[in-house]
Amino acid sequence: MSSRRRIVALAFTAALTLGGNVLADEGMWVFNNLPLRHLKQAYGFEPTPGWVEHLRSSAVRFNSGGSGSFVSADGLVMTNHHVGADTLQKISTPEKDYYKDGFLARTRAEEVRAPDLELNVLVGIEDVTARVLEAVHPGMTDAEAAVAKRGAMATIEKESFDKTGLRSDVVTLYQGGQYHLYTFKKYTDVRLVFAPEFDIAFFGGDPDNFEYPRYDLDVCFFRAYEDGKPARPPHFLKWSPS
């Protein structure tokens, strides 16, 4: 795996798996705090602000858990097979087990609507640490401070949603050292395009997971729609010919 592809994968994981602790020395980074000096020294790669913006805007978060990316100008989204597993199980019938046997839409008319699936694209990041921490007053117990911070976070989220209409989440970073407001554009019309059979998607099992190269087909493709038409994302990742 090339250094740039490794950086893309790790940035996706860190930035879209929200609410966890992020440690730069472990190689997990948020989009707005990349260790630029380390990347240059270790990989000879200097991400430009435009490159980071393009990567962030191409990434999507699945509300069922997991992440993916836009990979075409007409809303095609690529993710892992296990990320699509919830949808595959929901749309399966006694006659058609999409999780076990796979699925292929040969035309857009054959694409299957994914019930309850929502894709989120991160469009804004704001540091709201001061607002969250100012809710904590001297003399509060740990439990009282936690309640006060959760209340402040809920207020910030509501204000943001009322102002922008965008999904708004305050996330905790660095074990409470920072709090950022993430705003998301969401797609609620999402359709399954392709999923391989389970046996090839999970070939090698857990021992092969997170290894490279991997000899399986751990992938699912979905398509995001807006107003009944394929979405036209302004950013998407292009296929490499090599």
Protein backbone atom coordinates (compact mmCIF):
# COMPACT_ATOMS: atom_id res chain seq x y z
CA MET A 1 0.00 0.00 0.00
CA SER A 2 1.45 3.39 -0.96
CA SER A 3 2.12 5.97 1.76
CA ARG A 4 -0.57 8.27 0.39
CA ARG A 5 -3.18 5.50 0.35
CA ARG A 6 -2.24 4.55 3.91
CA ILE A 7 -2.69 8.16 5.01
CA VAL A 8 -6.08 8.32 3.31
CA ALA A 9 -7.26 5.14 5.04
CA LEU A 10 -6.10 6.18 8.49
CA ALA A 11 -7.52 9.69 8.16
CA PHE A 12 -10.91 8.23 7.19
CA THR A 13 -10.92 5.92 10.19
CA ALA A 14 -9.98 8.57 12.70
CA ALA A 15 -12.11 11.41 11.41
CA LEU A 16 -15.28 9.45 10.79
CA THR A 17 -15.28 7.24 13.86
CA LEU A 18 -16.37 10.08 16.07
CA GLY A 19 -16.24 10.30 19.82
CA GLY A 20 -13.13 8.18 20.35
CA ASN A 21 -9.73 9.16 21.63
CA VAL A 22 -7.29 10.20 18.91
CA LEU A 23 -3.54 9.80 19.39
CA ALA A 24 -1.32 11.14 16.63
CA ASP A 25 1.64 8.95 17.58
CA GLU A 26 -0.48 5.88 16.83
CA GLY A 27 -1.21 7.07 13.30
CA MET A 28 -4.86 8.05 13.82
CA TRP A 29 -5.63 11.65 12.98
CA VAL A 30 -8.53 14.04 12.49
CA PHE A 31 -8.66 16.00 9.25
CA ASN A 32 -8.03 19.39 10.84
CA ASN A 33 -5.04 18.27 12.90
CA LEU A 34 -2.83 16.19 10.63
CA PRO A 35 0.79 15.77 11.85
CA LEU A 36 2.23 17.46 8.78
CA ARG A 37 5.85 17.37 9.91
CA HIS A 38 5.65 13.64 10.68
CA LEU A 39 4.06 12.89 7.31
CA LYS A 40 6.84 14.75 5.53
CA GLN A 41 9.59 13.03 7.51
CA ALA A 42 8.11 9.53 7.40
CA TYR A 43 6.60 9.48 3.91
CA GLY A 44 8.01 12.46 2.03
CA PHE A 45 4.44 13.68 1.55
CA GLU A 46 3.16 17.17 2.34
CA PRO A 47 -0.65 17.35 2.19
CA THR A 48 -1.84 20.72 0.97
CA PRO A 49 -4.95 22.34 2.47
CA GLY A 50 -6.71 21.67 -0.82
CA TRP A 51 -5.81 17.98 -0.72
CA VAL A 52 -7.09 17.63 2.85
CA GLU A 53 -10.31 19.46 1.94
CA HIS A 54 -10.80 17.16 -1.06
CA LEU A 55 -10.24 14.06 1.07
CA ARG A 56 -12.59 15.23 3.84
CA SER A 57 -15.30 16.17 1.37
CA SER A 58 -15.04 12.80 -0.38
CA ALA A 59 -15.45 10.81 2.83
CA VAL A 60 -18.82 9.64 4.14
CA ARG A 61 -19.98 8.29 7.49
CA PHE A 62 -22.60 5.55 7.65
CA ASN A 63 -25.18 5.97 10.41
CA SER A 64 -25.12 2.19 10.81
CA GLY A 65 -21.43 2.40 11.73
CA GLY A 66 -18.36 2.67 9.54
CA SER A 67 -17.10 4.93 6.81
CA GLY A 68 -16.68 5.03 3.06
CA SER A 69 -16.00 7.43 0.23
CA PHE A 70 -17.56 8.85 -2.90
CA VAL A 71 -15.81 7.30 -5.90
CA SER A 72 -17.75 8.74 -8.84
CA ALA A 73 -19.41 11.94 -10.00
CA ASP A 74 -22.82 10.28 -9.86
CA GLY A 75 -22.97 9.41 -6.18
CA LEU A 76 -21.32 5.99 -6.08
CA VAL A 77 -20.01 5.17 -2.61
CA MET A 78 -17.48 2.47 -1.78
CA THR A 79 -17.16 0.87 1.65
CA ASN A 80 -16.32 -2.45 3.30
CA HIS A 81 -18.61 -5.46 3.10
CA HIS A 82 -19.13 -5.55 6.86
CA VAL A 83 -20.25 -1.90 6.79
CA GLY A 84 -23.00 -2.86 4.35
CA ALA A 85 -23.94 -6.00 6.30
CA ASP A 86 -26.78 -4.34 8.21
CA THR A 87 -28.44 -3.20 4.97
CA LEU A 88 -27.85 -6.56 3.26
CA GLN A 89 -29.61 -8.35 6.09
CA LYS A 90 -32.51 -5.88 6.17
CA ILE A 91 -33.29 -6.17 2.46
CA SER A 92 -32.86 -9.95 2.29
CA THR A 93 -35.89 -12.21 1.95
CA PRO A 94 -36.35 -15.97 2.46
CA GLU A 95 -35.87 -16.30 -1.30
CA LYS A 96 -32.92 -13.89 -1.65
CA ASP A 97 -30.15 -13.80 0.92
CA TYR A 98 -28.09 -10.80 -0.20
CA TYR A 99 -25.71 -11.12 2.74
CA LYS A 100 -24.80 -14.71 1.89
CA ASP A 101 -25.18 -14.74 -1.89
CA GLY A 102 -24.38 -11.15 -2.87
CA PHE A 103 -26.17 -8.68 -5.12
CA LEU A 104 -25.57 -6.84 -8.40
CA ALA A 105 -27.74 -4.09 -9.88
CA ARG A 106 -27.10 -4.19 -13.63
CA THR A 107 -29.04 -0.95 -14.12
CA ARG A 108 -29.90 1.93 -11.81
CA ALA A 109 -33.50 0.81 -11.88
CA GLU A 110 -32.41 -2.41 -10.16
CA GLU A 111 -30.66 -0.64 -7.28
CA VAL A 112 -32.35 -1.46 -3.97
CA ARG A 113 -33.31 1.24 -1.47
CA ALA A 114 -31.47 0.78 1.84
CA PRO A 115 -34.00 1.22 4.66
CA ASP A 116 -32.92 3.50 7.51
CA LEU A 117 -29.48 4.10 5.99
CA GLU A 118 -28.08 7.61 6.12
CA LEU A 119 -24.77 8.88 4.78
CA ASN A 120 -23.12 11.91 6.34
CA VAL A 121 -20.48 14.12 4.74
CA LEU A 122 -18.45 16.34 7.06
CA VAL A 123 -18.76 19.92 5.82
CA GLY A 124 -17.65 21.98 8.81
CA ILE A 125 -15.47 21.80 11.93
CA GLU A 126 -15.58 24.39 14.72
CA ASP A 127 -13.63 24.37 17.97
CA VAL A 128 -16.20 24.80 20.77
CA THR A 129 -13.92 23.75 23.63
CA ALA A 130 -14.29 27.04 25.51
CA ARG A 131 -18.09 26.93 25.36
CA VAL A 132 -18.23 23.39 26.70
CA LEU A 133 -15.72 23.91 29.49
CA GLU A 134 -17.24 27.18 30.69
CA ALA A 135 -20.28 25.17 31.76
CA VAL A 136 -18.15 23.58 34.48
CA HIS A 137 -17.83 25.58 37.71
CA PRO A 138 -15.52 25.24 40.72
CA GLY A 139 -16.84 22.87 43.36
CA MET A 140 -18.69 20.59 40.94
CA THR A 141 -18.27 16.87 41.38
CA ASP A 142 -17.09 14.81 38.43
CA ALA A 143 -20.64 13.64 37.85
CA GLU A 144 -22.02 17.18 37.97
CA ALA A 145 -19.32 18.40 35.59
CA ALA A 146 -20.13 15.61 33.14
CA VAL A 147 -23.82 16.54 33.19
CA ALA A 148 -22.99 20.22 32.69
CA LYS A 149 -20.76 19.47 29.71
CA ARG A 150 -23.36 17.22 28.11
CA GLY A 151 -25.92 19.99 28.53
CA ALA A 152 -23.62 22.53 26.89
CA MET A 153 -22.93 20.13 24.03
CA ALA A 154 -26.66 19.58 23.47
CA THR A 155 -27.26 23.34 23.41
CA ILE A 156 -24.49 23.89 20.87
CA GLU A 157 -25.83 21.10 18.66
CA LYS A 158 -29.37 22.51 18.75
CA GLU A 159 -28.21 26.05 17.97
CA SER A 160 -26.17 24.78 15.04
CA PHE A 161 -29.00 22.70 13.63
CA ASP A 162 -31.50 25.55 13.99
CA LYS A 163 -29.11 27.89 12.18
CA THR A 164 -27.85 25.61 9.40
CA GLY A 165 -30.33 22.76 9.07
CA LEU A 166 -27.33 20.42 9.02
CA ARG A 167 -26.78 17.46 11.28
CA SER A 168 -24.65 18.80 14.13
CA ASP A 169 -22.57 16.71 16.53
CA VAL A 170 -20.21 17.90 19.24
CA VAL A 171 -17.44 15.32 19.53
CA THR A 172 -14.97 14.75 22.33
CA LEU A 173 -11.31 14.62 21.35
CA TYR A 174 -8.14 13.85 23.28
CA GLN A 175 -10.01 12.50 26.33
CA GLY A 176 -11.87 15.76 26.81
CA GLY A 177 -8.98 18.06 25.94
CA GLN A 178 -10.93 19.48 23.00
CA TYR A 179 -14.52 19.59 21.81
CA HIS A 180 -15.33 20.18 18.16
CA LEU A 181 -18.65 20.85 16.49
CA TYR A 182 -18.97 18.75 13.34
CA THR A 183 -21.67 19.65 10.82
CA PHE A 184 -22.76 17.16 8.19
CA LYS A 185 -24.65 17.14 4.93
CA LYS A 186 -26.79 14.02 4.98
CA TYR A 187 -28.14 11.72 2.30
CA THR A 188 -31.18 9.68 3.28
CA ASP A 189 -31.95 8.10 -0.10
CA VAL A 190 -29.23 5.48 -0.41
CA ARG A 191 -29.41 2.41 -2.63
CA LEU A 192 -27.42 -0.80 -2.84
CA VAL A 193 -25.50 -1.30 -6.09
CA PHE A 194 -23.20 -4.26 -5.46
CA ALA A 195 -22.18 -6.70 -2.74
CA PRO A 196 -20.13 -9.87 -3.23
CA GLU A 197 -20.93 -13.24 -1.71
CA PHE A 198 -20.02 -13.46 1.97
CA ASP A 199 -17.48 -16.24 1.42
CA ILE A 200 -15.31 -14.10 -0.86
CA ALA A 201 -15.93 -10.89 1.11
CA PHE A 202 -14.61 -12.48 4.31
CA PHE A 203 -12.08 -14.86 2.78
CA GLY A 204 -9.18 -15.29 5.20
CA GLY A 205 -11.33 -14.35 8.19
CA ASP A 206 -10.10 -12.22 11.07
CA PRO A 207 -6.44 -13.32 10.73
CA ASP A 208 -6.29 -11.52 7.36
CA ASN A 209 -8.17 -8.44 8.54
CA PHE A 210 -6.09 -5.24 8.37
CA GLU A 211 -3.37 -7.06 6.44
CA TYR A 212 -1.98 -5.97 3.08
CA PRO A 213 -2.07 -7.43 0.54
CA ARG A 214 -5.40 -9.12 1.25
CA TYR A 215 -6.88 -11.77 -0.99
CA ASP A 216 -10.61 -11.20 -0.74
CA LEU A 217 -13.35 -8.86 -1.98
CA ASP A 218 -14.20 -6.91 1.16
CA VAL A 219 -16.30 -4.24 -0.53
CA CYS A 220 -19.83 -2.90 -1.01
CA PHE A 221 -21.05 -0.21 -3.36
CA PHE A 222 -23.99 2.08 -2.68
CA ARG A 223 -25.34 5.13 -4.50
CA ALA A 224 -26.57 8.31 -2.84
CA TYR A 225 -29.59 10.05 -4.36
CA GLU A 226 -31.01 13.55 -4.05
CA ASP A 227 -34.50 14.45 -5.25
CA GLY A 228 -34.79 11.04 -6.87
CA LYS A 229 -31.63 11.48 -8.96
CA PRO A 230 -28.06 10.27 -8.38
CA ALA A 231 -26.23 12.73 -6.15
CA ARG A 232 -23.57 14.91 -7.75
CA PRO A 233 -20.93 15.25 -5.02
CA PRO A 234 -18.48 18.10 -5.62
CA HIS A 235 -15.65 15.85 -4.42
CA PHE A 236 -14.93 12.17 -5.00
CA LEU A 237 -11.88 9.92 -5.07
CA LYS A 238 -10.71 8.83 -8.48
CA TRP A 239 -9.52 5.36 -9.38
CA SER A 240 -5.79 4.88 -9.81
CA PRO A 241 -4.76 3.09 -13.02
CA SER A 242 -1.90 1.40 -11.16
